[in-house]
N, C-alpha and C. Protein backbone atom coordinates (compact mmCIF):
# COMPACT_ATOMS: atom_id res chain seq x y z
N MET A 1 20.03 -7.61 46.49
CA MET A 1 20.46 -6.29 46.59
C MET A 1 19.47 -5.36 45.84
N SER A 2 19.11 -4.24 46.40
CA SER A 2 18.15 -3.32 45.90
C SER A 2 18.81 -2.31 44.87
N SER A 3 18.05 -1.65 44.13
CA SER A 3 18.50 -0.65 43.22
C SER A 3 19.22 0.45 43.94
N LYS A 4 18.74 0.77 45.13
CA LYS A 4 19.38 1.80 45.95
C LYS A 4 20.80 1.37 46.33
N SER A 5 20.91 0.07 46.71
CA SER A 5 22.20 -0.45 47.09
C SER A 5 23.11 -0.45 45.97
N LEU A 6 22.63 -0.75 44.73
CA LEU A 6 23.51 -0.77 43.57
C LEU A 6 23.95 0.71 43.29
N PHE A 7 23.07 1.64 43.36
CA PHE A 7 23.44 3.12 43.16
C PHE A 7 24.54 3.63 44.13
N LEU A 8 24.32 3.12 45.36
CA LEU A 8 25.42 3.45 46.43
C LEU A 8 26.75 2.81 46.06
N PHE A 9 26.63 1.54 45.65
CA PHE A 9 27.92 0.87 45.26
C PHE A 9 28.59 1.53 44.11
N ILE A 10 27.93 1.94 43.10
CA ILE A 10 28.53 2.68 41.90
C ILE A 10 29.09 4.06 42.41
N SER A 11 28.32 4.70 43.24
CA SER A 11 28.84 5.98 43.74
C SER A 11 30.11 5.82 44.52
N GLN A 12 30.05 4.82 45.38
CA GLN A 12 31.28 4.57 46.18
C GLN A 12 32.47 4.25 45.33
N VAL A 13 32.27 3.40 44.24
CA VAL A 13 33.39 3.08 43.34
C VAL A 13 33.87 4.32 42.70
N ILE A 14 33.04 5.21 42.24
CA ILE A 14 33.51 6.36 41.57
C ILE A 14 34.31 7.34 42.44
N VAL A 15 33.88 7.51 43.71
CA VAL A 15 34.50 8.35 44.68
C VAL A 15 35.92 7.71 45.01
N LEU A 16 35.86 6.53 45.31
CA LEU A 16 37.19 5.78 45.73
C LEU A 16 38.17 5.71 44.55
N PHE A 17 37.56 5.58 43.33
CA PHE A 17 38.46 5.56 42.17
C PHE A 17 39.19 6.98 42.01
N LEU A 18 38.38 8.04 42.16
CA LEU A 18 39.04 9.28 41.96
C LEU A 18 40.09 9.55 43.06
N LEU A 19 39.78 9.19 44.30
CA LEU A 19 40.70 9.35 45.43
C LEU A 19 41.94 8.49 45.18
N LEU A 20 41.76 7.29 44.86
CA LEU A 20 42.94 6.34 44.60
C LEU A 20 43.74 6.75 43.47
N LEU A 21 43.06 7.34 42.41
CA LEU A 21 43.80 7.86 41.27
C LEU A 21 44.73 9.01 41.64
N PHE A 22 44.23 9.87 42.44
CA PHE A 22 45.03 10.97 42.93
C PHE A 22 46.20 10.37 43.82
N LEU A 23 45.95 9.38 44.60
CA LEU A 23 46.92 8.78 45.43
C LEU A 23 48.04 8.09 44.56
N LEU A 24 47.57 7.44 43.50
CA LEU A 24 48.53 6.78 42.58
C LEU A 24 49.44 7.84 41.86
N TYR A 25 48.83 9.00 41.54
CA TYR A 25 49.66 10.06 40.93
C TYR A 25 50.62 10.58 41.81
N TRP A 26 50.24 10.70 43.13
CA TRP A 26 51.25 11.25 44.17
C TRP A 26 52.41 10.12 44.41
N ALA A 27 52.02 8.85 44.30
CA ALA A 27 52.99 7.83 44.61
C ALA A 27 53.66 7.29 43.32
N ALA A 28 53.31 7.94 42.13
CA ALA A 28 53.76 7.41 40.81
C ALA A 28 55.30 7.29 40.73
N PRO A 29 56.11 8.13 41.22
CA PRO A 29 57.56 7.91 41.12
C PRO A 29 58.02 6.63 41.73
N VAL A 30 57.47 6.27 42.88
CA VAL A 30 57.87 5.01 43.57
C VAL A 30 57.30 3.84 42.72
N TYR A 31 56.06 3.94 42.36
CA TYR A 31 55.45 2.81 41.62
C TYR A 31 56.13 2.57 40.28
N HIS A 32 56.52 3.68 39.58
CA HIS A 32 57.22 3.58 38.30
C HIS A 32 58.66 2.94 38.50
N PHE A 33 59.26 3.16 39.57
CA PHE A 33 60.53 2.60 39.94
C PHE A 33 60.39 1.03 39.84
N PHE A 34 59.32 0.47 40.46
CA PHE A 34 59.14 -0.96 40.46
C PHE A 34 58.77 -1.45 39.06
N LEU A 35 58.01 -0.63 38.34
CA LEU A 35 57.74 -1.06 36.93
C LEU A 35 58.91 -1.09 36.09
N ALA A 36 59.84 -0.13 36.27
CA ALA A 36 61.21 -0.13 35.53
C ALA A 36 61.86 -1.39 35.79
N GLN A 37 61.88 -1.91 37.07
CA GLN A 37 62.59 -3.09 37.43
C GLN A 37 62.06 -4.35 36.77
N LEU A 38 60.77 -4.26 36.34
CA LEU A 38 60.13 -5.48 35.60
C LEU A 38 60.37 -5.26 34.13
N VAL A 39 60.13 -4.06 33.56
CA VAL A 39 60.25 -3.81 32.17
C VAL A 39 61.62 -4.13 31.64
N GLU A 40 62.66 -3.56 32.34
CA GLU A 40 64.01 -3.63 31.77
C GLU A 40 64.55 -5.06 31.57
N PRO A 41 64.41 -6.03 32.55
CA PRO A 41 64.84 -7.37 32.32
C PRO A 41 64.11 -8.03 31.14
N VAL A 42 62.80 -7.81 31.07
CA VAL A 42 61.98 -8.41 30.00
C VAL A 42 62.48 -7.92 28.64
N LEU A 43 62.68 -6.64 28.45
CA LEU A 43 63.15 -6.13 27.13
C LEU A 43 64.60 -6.56 26.86
N LYS A 44 65.42 -6.65 27.92
CA LYS A 44 66.84 -7.09 27.70
C LYS A 44 66.87 -8.59 27.32
N MET A 45 65.88 -9.37 27.81
CA MET A 45 65.88 -10.75 27.45
C MET A 45 65.43 -10.92 26.02
N ILE A 46 64.46 -10.12 25.56
CA ILE A 46 63.88 -10.21 24.16
C ILE A 46 64.81 -9.56 23.27
N TYR A 47 65.35 -8.39 23.60
CA TYR A 47 66.23 -7.57 22.66
C TYR A 47 67.55 -7.24 23.34
N PRO A 48 68.37 -8.26 23.61
CA PRO A 48 69.59 -7.95 24.39
C PRO A 48 70.57 -6.91 23.60
N ARG A 49 70.46 -6.95 22.28
CA ARG A 49 71.37 -6.02 21.49
C ARG A 49 70.88 -4.62 21.41
N PHE A 50 69.54 -4.43 21.66
CA PHE A 50 68.95 -3.16 21.33
C PHE A 50 68.71 -2.30 22.60
N ILE A 51 68.37 -2.90 23.72
CA ILE A 51 68.08 -2.18 24.94
C ILE A 51 69.17 -2.02 25.86
N SER A 52 69.53 -0.91 26.33
CA SER A 52 70.59 -0.62 27.27
C SER A 52 70.04 -0.52 28.74
N GLU A 53 69.04 0.34 28.86
CA GLU A 53 68.58 0.62 30.26
C GLU A 53 67.23 1.18 30.18
N VAL A 54 66.32 0.78 31.19
CA VAL A 54 65.03 1.38 31.38
C VAL A 54 65.02 1.90 32.89
N SER A 55 64.86 3.17 33.02
CA SER A 55 64.91 3.66 34.43
C SER A 55 63.69 4.76 34.60
N ALA A 56 63.33 4.81 35.90
CA ALA A 56 62.20 5.68 36.27
C ALA A 56 62.80 7.09 36.70
N HIS A 57 62.20 8.05 36.11
CA HIS A 57 62.51 9.44 36.49
C HIS A 57 61.29 10.22 36.76
N GLY A 58 60.81 10.14 38.02
CA GLY A 58 59.63 10.79 38.41
C GLY A 58 58.39 10.14 37.75
N TYR A 59 57.72 10.94 36.86
CA TYR A 59 56.45 10.42 36.27
C TYR A 59 56.71 9.70 34.85
N ILE A 60 57.94 9.52 34.44
CA ILE A 60 58.22 8.94 33.18
C ILE A 60 59.23 7.84 33.29
N LEU A 61 59.29 6.94 32.33
CA LEU A 61 60.31 5.96 32.21
C LEU A 61 61.27 6.42 31.11
N GLU A 62 62.55 6.44 31.29
CA GLU A 62 63.50 6.77 30.25
C GLU A 62 64.05 5.48 29.70
N VAL A 63 63.98 5.26 28.43
CA VAL A 63 64.55 4.08 27.74
C VAL A 63 65.79 4.62 26.92
N VAL A 64 66.91 3.88 27.27
CA VAL A 64 68.16 4.19 26.57
C VAL A 64 68.50 2.94 25.89
N THR A 65 68.73 3.12 24.53
CA THR A 65 68.96 1.97 23.64
C THR A 65 70.49 1.94 23.29
N ASN A 66 70.81 0.97 22.51
CA ASN A 66 72.18 0.84 21.93
C ASN A 66 72.31 1.34 20.47
N PHE A 67 71.23 1.99 20.07
CA PHE A 67 71.20 2.50 18.75
C PHE A 67 71.97 3.79 18.67
N ALA A 68 72.78 3.98 17.66
CA ALA A 68 73.57 5.32 17.54
C ALA A 68 72.56 6.29 16.91
N VAL A 69 72.78 7.51 17.34
CA VAL A 69 71.88 8.63 16.78
C VAL A 69 72.66 9.18 15.56
N ALA A 70 71.91 9.42 14.56
CA ALA A 70 72.51 10.02 13.26
C ALA A 70 73.22 11.29 13.55
N GLY A 71 74.46 11.39 13.15
CA GLY A 71 75.28 12.67 13.29
C GLY A 71 75.95 12.74 14.72
N GLN A 72 75.61 11.77 15.57
CA GLN A 72 76.31 11.70 16.89
C GLN A 72 76.83 10.25 17.15
N PRO A 73 77.92 9.95 16.64
CA PRO A 73 78.45 8.66 16.71
C PRO A 73 78.64 8.09 18.15
N GLN A 74 78.89 8.99 19.10
CA GLN A 74 78.96 8.48 20.55
C GLN A 74 77.74 8.58 21.30
N GLY A 75 76.74 9.10 20.67
CA GLY A 75 75.43 9.26 21.34
C GLY A 75 74.55 7.99 21.16
N ARG A 76 73.64 7.85 22.05
CA ARG A 76 72.70 6.65 21.99
C ARG A 76 71.31 7.20 22.02
N LEU A 77 70.48 6.55 21.22
CA LEU A 77 69.06 6.94 21.21
C LEU A 77 68.35 6.73 22.58
N ALA A 78 67.73 7.70 23.03
CA ALA A 78 66.92 7.66 24.30
C ALA A 78 65.65 8.36 24.07
N PHE A 79 64.58 7.81 24.75
CA PHE A 79 63.22 8.39 24.66
C PHE A 79 62.48 8.15 25.93
N ASP A 80 61.38 8.85 26.13
CA ASP A 80 60.59 8.71 27.33
C ASP A 80 59.26 8.08 27.08
N ILE A 81 58.74 7.29 28.05
CA ILE A 81 57.46 6.68 28.04
C ILE A 81 56.68 7.15 29.26
N ASN A 82 55.37 7.41 29.04
CA ASN A 82 54.49 7.82 30.18
C ASN A 82 53.73 6.60 30.67
N PRO A 83 54.09 6.03 31.77
CA PRO A 83 53.34 4.82 32.34
C PRO A 83 52.00 5.12 32.88
N LEU A 84 51.70 6.36 33.19
CA LEU A 84 50.39 6.74 33.80
C LEU A 84 49.13 6.25 33.00
N LYS A 85 49.35 6.28 31.68
CA LYS A 85 48.24 5.88 30.76
C LYS A 85 47.89 4.33 30.88
N TYR A 86 48.82 3.65 31.53
CA TYR A 86 48.58 2.21 31.69
C TYR A 86 48.30 1.71 33.13
N THR A 87 48.46 2.64 34.09
CA THR A 87 48.37 2.21 35.45
C THR A 87 47.13 2.56 36.17
N TYR A 88 46.15 3.20 35.49
CA TYR A 88 44.96 3.54 36.12
C TYR A 88 44.00 2.29 36.49
N GLY A 89 44.37 1.18 35.99
CA GLY A 89 43.65 0.01 36.28
C GLY A 89 43.80 -0.44 37.75
N LEU A 90 44.87 -0.04 38.39
CA LEU A 90 45.10 -0.37 39.78
C LEU A 90 44.09 0.29 40.73
N PRO A 91 43.93 1.65 40.61
CA PRO A 91 42.87 2.31 41.44
C PRO A 91 41.54 1.89 41.08
N LEU A 92 41.23 1.50 39.79
CA LEU A 92 39.93 1.03 39.43
C LEU A 92 39.64 -0.29 40.15
N PHE A 93 40.62 -1.24 40.13
CA PHE A 93 40.49 -2.49 40.74
C PHE A 93 40.33 -2.35 42.30
N LEU A 94 41.11 -1.47 42.94
CA LEU A 94 40.97 -1.30 44.38
C LEU A 94 39.74 -0.64 44.73
N ALA A 95 39.21 0.28 43.86
CA ALA A 95 37.95 0.95 44.19
C ALA A 95 36.84 -0.14 44.15
N LEU A 96 36.83 -1.04 43.18
CA LEU A 96 35.79 -2.10 43.03
C LEU A 96 35.92 -3.00 44.26
N LEU A 97 37.19 -3.36 44.68
CA LEU A 97 37.34 -4.37 45.67
C LEU A 97 36.98 -3.79 47.05
N LEU A 98 37.32 -2.52 47.32
CA LEU A 98 36.97 -1.92 48.64
C LEU A 98 35.52 -1.69 48.72
N SER A 99 34.81 -1.55 47.64
CA SER A 99 33.33 -1.22 47.68
C SER A 99 32.53 -2.58 47.81
N SER A 100 33.18 -3.70 47.66
CA SER A 100 32.56 -5.01 47.71
C SER A 100 32.37 -5.41 49.14
N ARG A 101 31.39 -6.25 49.37
CA ARG A 101 31.02 -6.75 50.68
C ARG A 101 31.80 -8.07 50.93
N GLU A 102 32.90 -7.93 51.62
CA GLU A 102 33.72 -9.12 52.04
C GLU A 102 34.57 -8.67 53.22
N PHE A 103 35.09 -9.77 53.83
CA PHE A 103 35.96 -9.48 54.99
C PHE A 103 37.25 -8.75 54.64
N TRP A 104 37.75 -7.92 55.53
CA TRP A 104 38.92 -7.17 55.25
C TRP A 104 40.13 -8.12 54.98
N LYS A 105 40.22 -9.17 55.64
CA LYS A 105 41.31 -10.13 55.46
C LYS A 105 41.26 -10.62 54.04
N ASP A 106 40.11 -11.00 53.46
CA ASP A 106 40.00 -11.37 52.08
C ASP A 106 40.32 -10.28 51.15
N LYS A 107 40.01 -9.02 51.51
CA LYS A 107 40.31 -7.89 50.64
C LYS A 107 41.82 -7.73 50.53
N VAL A 108 42.51 -7.89 51.57
CA VAL A 108 44.01 -7.76 51.43
C VAL A 108 44.66 -8.69 50.54
N TRP A 109 44.16 -9.96 50.71
CA TRP A 109 44.78 -11.09 49.89
C TRP A 109 44.38 -10.87 48.37
N HIS A 110 43.11 -10.40 48.20
CA HIS A 110 42.65 -10.17 46.83
C HIS A 110 43.37 -9.02 46.23
N ALA A 111 43.70 -7.99 47.06
CA ALA A 111 44.43 -6.79 46.59
C ALA A 111 45.83 -7.18 46.11
N LEU A 112 46.49 -8.02 46.90
CA LEU A 112 47.77 -8.55 46.45
C LEU A 112 47.73 -9.36 45.20
N ILE A 113 46.73 -10.19 45.04
CA ILE A 113 46.61 -11.03 43.86
C ILE A 113 46.41 -10.09 42.67
N GLY A 114 45.52 -9.11 42.83
CA GLY A 114 45.19 -8.19 41.76
C GLY A 114 46.33 -7.29 41.31
N LEU A 115 47.17 -6.85 42.40
CA LEU A 115 48.38 -6.15 42.12
C LEU A 115 49.31 -6.90 41.27
N LEU A 116 49.61 -8.18 41.59
CA LEU A 116 50.41 -9.07 40.84
C LEU A 116 50.06 -9.15 39.32
N ILE A 117 48.74 -9.47 39.20
CA ILE A 117 48.26 -9.60 37.78
C ILE A 117 48.33 -8.28 37.04
N LEU A 118 48.00 -7.19 37.71
CA LEU A 118 48.08 -5.91 36.99
C LEU A 118 49.52 -5.42 36.67
N LEU A 119 50.47 -5.77 37.53
CA LEU A 119 51.87 -5.52 37.24
C LEU A 119 52.30 -6.25 35.99
N ILE A 120 51.88 -7.48 35.84
CA ILE A 120 52.12 -8.26 34.64
C ILE A 120 51.53 -7.54 33.37
N ALA A 121 50.29 -7.24 33.53
CA ALA A 121 49.63 -6.51 32.44
C ALA A 121 50.23 -5.20 32.06
N GLN A 122 50.66 -4.40 33.06
CA GLN A 122 51.25 -3.15 32.81
C GLN A 122 52.71 -3.30 32.29
N THR A 123 53.35 -4.36 32.64
CA THR A 123 54.64 -4.56 32.01
C THR A 123 54.52 -4.95 30.53
N TRP A 124 53.50 -5.74 30.23
CA TRP A 124 53.15 -6.06 28.80
C TRP A 124 52.98 -4.78 28.06
N SER A 125 52.00 -3.85 28.61
CA SER A 125 51.73 -2.70 27.87
C SER A 125 52.93 -1.77 27.66
N LEU A 126 53.79 -1.62 28.64
CA LEU A 126 54.96 -0.76 28.57
C LEU A 126 55.97 -1.33 27.58
N CYS A 127 56.17 -2.70 27.65
CA CYS A 127 57.15 -3.36 26.67
C CYS A 127 56.67 -3.11 25.27
N PHE A 128 55.37 -3.31 25.03
CA PHE A 128 54.91 -3.15 23.59
C PHE A 128 54.89 -1.73 23.19
N ASP A 129 54.69 -0.79 24.16
CA ASP A 129 54.79 0.62 23.80
C ASP A 129 56.15 1.05 23.42
N ILE A 130 57.15 0.50 24.10
CA ILE A 130 58.56 0.80 23.82
C ILE A 130 59.06 0.17 22.43
N ILE A 131 58.53 -1.01 22.21
CA ILE A 131 58.88 -1.73 20.98
C ILE A 131 58.25 -0.96 19.81
N ARG A 132 56.93 -0.56 20.03
CA ARG A 132 56.20 0.16 18.96
C ARG A 132 56.92 1.49 18.62
N ASN A 133 57.39 2.19 19.71
CA ASN A 133 58.11 3.34 19.44
C ASN A 133 59.35 3.20 18.70
N LEU A 134 60.08 2.13 18.91
CA LEU A 134 61.32 1.82 18.17
C LEU A 134 60.99 1.40 16.71
N PHE A 135 59.93 0.60 16.62
CA PHE A 135 59.64 0.02 15.30
C PHE A 135 59.02 1.09 14.37
N TYR A 136 58.04 1.80 14.86
CA TYR A 136 57.27 2.81 14.07
C TYR A 136 57.71 4.19 14.19
N GLY A 137 58.36 4.60 15.25
CA GLY A 137 58.73 5.93 15.49
C GLY A 137 60.03 6.27 14.88
N PHE A 138 60.47 7.53 15.08
CA PHE A 138 61.81 8.08 14.53
C PHE A 138 61.85 7.89 13.02
N GLU A 139 60.72 8.08 12.38
CA GLU A 139 60.66 8.05 10.92
C GLU A 139 61.04 6.66 10.45
N GLY A 140 60.87 5.62 11.16
CA GLY A 140 61.18 4.27 10.71
C GLY A 140 62.69 3.91 10.65
N ALA A 141 63.48 4.80 11.27
CA ALA A 141 64.96 4.69 11.08
C ALA A 141 65.48 3.38 11.65
N TYR A 142 64.76 2.84 12.65
CA TYR A 142 65.33 1.61 13.41
C TYR A 142 64.53 0.36 13.10
N ALA A 143 63.50 0.49 12.29
CA ALA A 143 62.61 -0.72 12.03
C ALA A 143 63.39 -1.85 11.40
N ALA A 144 64.33 -1.53 10.52
CA ALA A 144 65.05 -2.52 9.84
C ALA A 144 65.91 -3.42 10.67
N TYR A 145 66.31 -2.98 11.84
CA TYR A 145 67.10 -3.75 12.81
C TYR A 145 66.26 -4.89 13.36
N PHE A 146 64.90 -4.77 13.42
CA PHE A 146 64.10 -5.79 14.02
C PHE A 146 63.89 -6.94 12.97
N ASP A 147 64.03 -6.67 11.68
CA ASP A 147 63.91 -7.68 10.67
C ASP A 147 62.54 -8.42 10.78
N TYR A 148 61.57 -7.67 11.09
CA TYR A 148 60.18 -8.21 11.10
C TYR A 148 59.45 -8.05 9.76
N GLY A 149 58.72 -9.09 9.40
CA GLY A 149 57.92 -8.95 8.15
C GLY A 149 56.51 -8.39 8.54
N ALA A 150 55.55 -8.65 7.58
CA ALA A 150 54.19 -8.11 7.82
C ALA A 150 53.53 -8.64 9.07
N PHE A 151 53.84 -9.99 9.31
CA PHE A 151 53.23 -10.71 10.51
C PHE A 151 53.76 -10.10 11.80
N GLY A 152 55.03 -9.88 11.81
CA GLY A 152 55.69 -9.35 13.03
C GLY A 152 55.21 -7.94 13.40
N SER A 153 55.04 -7.05 12.36
CA SER A 153 54.55 -5.76 12.58
C SER A 153 53.19 -5.69 13.07
N THR A 154 52.36 -6.75 12.51
CA THR A 154 50.99 -6.82 12.97
C THR A 154 50.90 -7.24 14.53
N ILE A 155 51.76 -8.14 14.88
CA ILE A 155 51.82 -8.52 16.31
C ILE A 155 52.23 -7.37 17.15
N ILE A 156 53.16 -6.60 16.76
CA ILE A 156 53.56 -5.33 17.52
C ILE A 156 52.34 -4.39 17.66
N SER A 157 51.60 -4.23 16.59
CA SER A 157 50.42 -3.29 16.59
C SER A 157 49.37 -3.87 17.51
N LEU A 158 49.07 -5.20 17.39
CA LEU A 158 48.03 -5.82 18.19
C LEU A 158 48.41 -5.77 19.69
N GLY A 159 49.68 -6.13 19.95
CA GLY A 159 50.06 -6.14 21.48
C GLY A 159 50.00 -4.74 21.99
N SER A 160 50.32 -3.73 21.15
CA SER A 160 50.33 -2.35 21.65
C SER A 160 48.94 -1.87 21.86
N GLN A 161 48.01 -2.19 20.98
CA GLN A 161 46.60 -1.90 21.10
C GLN A 161 45.99 -2.50 22.29
N LEU A 162 46.17 -3.80 22.53
CA LEU A 162 45.68 -4.52 23.71
C LEU A 162 46.25 -3.89 24.93
N GLY A 163 47.50 -3.49 25.03
CA GLY A 163 47.99 -2.98 26.20
C GLY A 163 47.54 -1.60 26.47
N PHE A 164 47.10 -0.85 25.43
CA PHE A 164 46.68 0.58 25.65
C PHE A 164 45.11 0.64 25.78
N LEU A 165 44.37 -0.01 24.94
CA LEU A 165 43.00 0.12 24.97
C LEU A 165 42.19 -0.79 25.82
N LEU A 166 42.66 -2.13 25.97
CA LEU A 166 41.88 -3.08 26.75
C LEU A 166 42.40 -3.43 28.10
N PHE A 167 43.70 -3.63 28.21
CA PHE A 167 44.25 -4.12 29.53
C PHE A 167 43.99 -3.22 30.63
N PRO A 168 44.24 -1.83 30.56
CA PRO A 168 44.13 -1.00 31.69
C PRO A 168 42.67 -0.96 32.35
N SER A 169 41.63 -1.12 31.41
CA SER A 169 40.26 -1.05 31.96
C SER A 169 39.65 -2.34 32.09
N LEU A 170 39.87 -3.31 31.17
CA LEU A 170 39.16 -4.57 31.24
C LEU A 170 39.77 -5.54 32.24
N ILE A 171 41.07 -5.66 32.36
CA ILE A 171 41.68 -6.61 33.30
C ILE A 171 41.25 -6.37 34.76
N PRO A 172 41.26 -5.08 35.20
CA PRO A 172 40.82 -4.91 36.64
C PRO A 172 39.45 -5.37 36.91
N ILE A 173 38.47 -5.20 35.96
CA ILE A 173 37.11 -5.71 36.09
C ILE A 173 37.07 -7.16 36.09
N MET A 174 37.78 -7.78 35.28
CA MET A 174 37.83 -9.15 35.13
C MET A 174 38.45 -9.84 36.45
N ILE A 175 39.50 -9.29 36.93
CA ILE A 175 40.07 -9.81 38.19
C ILE A 175 39.02 -9.65 39.33
N TRP A 176 38.32 -8.50 39.39
CA TRP A 176 37.40 -8.30 40.46
C TRP A 176 36.23 -9.31 40.40
N VAL A 177 35.70 -9.52 39.19
CA VAL A 177 34.55 -10.46 38.98
C VAL A 177 35.12 -11.90 39.40
N PHE A 178 36.28 -12.24 39.09
CA PHE A 178 36.83 -13.57 39.35
C PHE A 178 36.96 -13.72 40.93
N LEU A 179 37.47 -12.64 41.59
CA LEU A 179 37.82 -12.76 43.03
C LEU A 179 36.56 -12.67 43.95
N VAL A 180 35.54 -11.91 43.41
CA VAL A 180 34.33 -11.71 44.30
C VAL A 180 33.03 -12.21 43.55
N PRO A 181 33.01 -13.43 43.14
CA PRO A 181 31.90 -13.89 42.26
C PRO A 181 30.57 -13.73 42.97
N ASP A 182 30.56 -14.02 44.25
CA ASP A 182 29.23 -14.02 45.06
C ASP A 182 28.65 -12.56 45.05
N PHE A 183 29.55 -11.60 45.32
CA PHE A 183 29.10 -10.22 45.31
C PHE A 183 28.61 -9.69 43.84
N PHE A 184 29.34 -10.17 42.90
CA PHE A 184 29.03 -9.84 41.50
C PHE A 184 27.71 -10.40 41.19
N ARG A 185 27.45 -11.65 41.65
CA ARG A 185 26.19 -12.32 41.40
C ARG A 185 24.92 -11.48 41.99
N GLN A 186 25.21 -10.98 43.13
CA GLN A 186 24.18 -10.16 43.77
C GLN A 186 23.85 -8.95 43.02
N LEU A 187 24.92 -8.34 42.41
CA LEU A 187 24.67 -7.13 41.56
C LEU A 187 23.86 -7.45 40.34
N THR A 188 24.14 -8.59 39.72
CA THR A 188 23.41 -8.97 38.44
C THR A 188 22.08 -9.33 38.73
N GLN A 189 21.77 -9.80 39.94
CA GLN A 189 20.36 -10.30 40.27
C GLN A 189 19.28 -9.19 40.17
N ILE A 190 19.80 -7.94 40.29
CA ILE A 190 18.94 -6.77 40.22
C ILE A 190 18.31 -6.67 38.81
N GLU A 191 19.25 -6.80 37.86
CA GLU A 191 18.78 -6.81 36.45
C GLU A 191 17.91 -7.97 36.08
N GLU A 192 18.19 -9.15 36.62
CA GLU A 192 17.38 -10.29 36.35
C GLU A 192 15.96 -10.13 36.91
N LYS A 193 15.84 -9.62 38.13
CA LYS A 193 14.55 -9.33 38.79
C LYS A 193 13.69 -8.30 37.88
N LYS A 194 14.33 -7.24 37.45
CA LYS A 194 13.75 -6.22 36.63
C LYS A 194 13.23 -6.86 35.35
N THR A 195 13.95 -7.68 34.69
CA THR A 195 13.62 -8.33 33.41
C THR A 195 12.40 -9.27 33.65
N GLY A 196 12.40 -9.92 34.78
CA GLY A 196 11.37 -10.95 35.08
C GLY A 196 10.03 -10.16 35.32
N GLU A 197 10.08 -9.01 35.90
CA GLU A 197 8.97 -8.20 36.22
C GLU A 197 8.28 -7.61 35.04
N THR A 198 9.08 -7.34 33.90
CA THR A 198 8.52 -6.71 32.73
C THR A 198 8.00 -7.70 31.69
């Protein structure tokens, strides 16, 4: 693969990523509905006493807990989470995949595999974001209910940072490299040739 081909590939990825990002934003209410169906049972399984409901409302997820709100005995603590900051990995992965040289039949299967893995990663990110909000947010009013020591709070922080900083950008690239290793090898051969010439 030539340097010109590499430039065209990168340009195509950027253009497709922006288009797919817009498409994801437009389809976000539907996509967030499916995310809510994954996040709610996971949180209820881990924290059955704390989580009442996780539901999608347009561009946000609303989390309703079983915690009482101070001064409102009948009220329950509820707060919103923005899933968009965790879901941009899907358009990134699809942009890389669509720009790769492989048969369309393979691209469809690879897209389904990537979607499944990304849904798992996004569920991780959202669950840790919700737990972090309950543990560290609201002036620490609900942290005592979790009964976590220093180690537990470190795990919450680490899981939340992984879900926010690494998973959305790193996992799509890792999936793409794993699914199209031959094409990725062609891309890296350009740099090898340049190094050999100098």
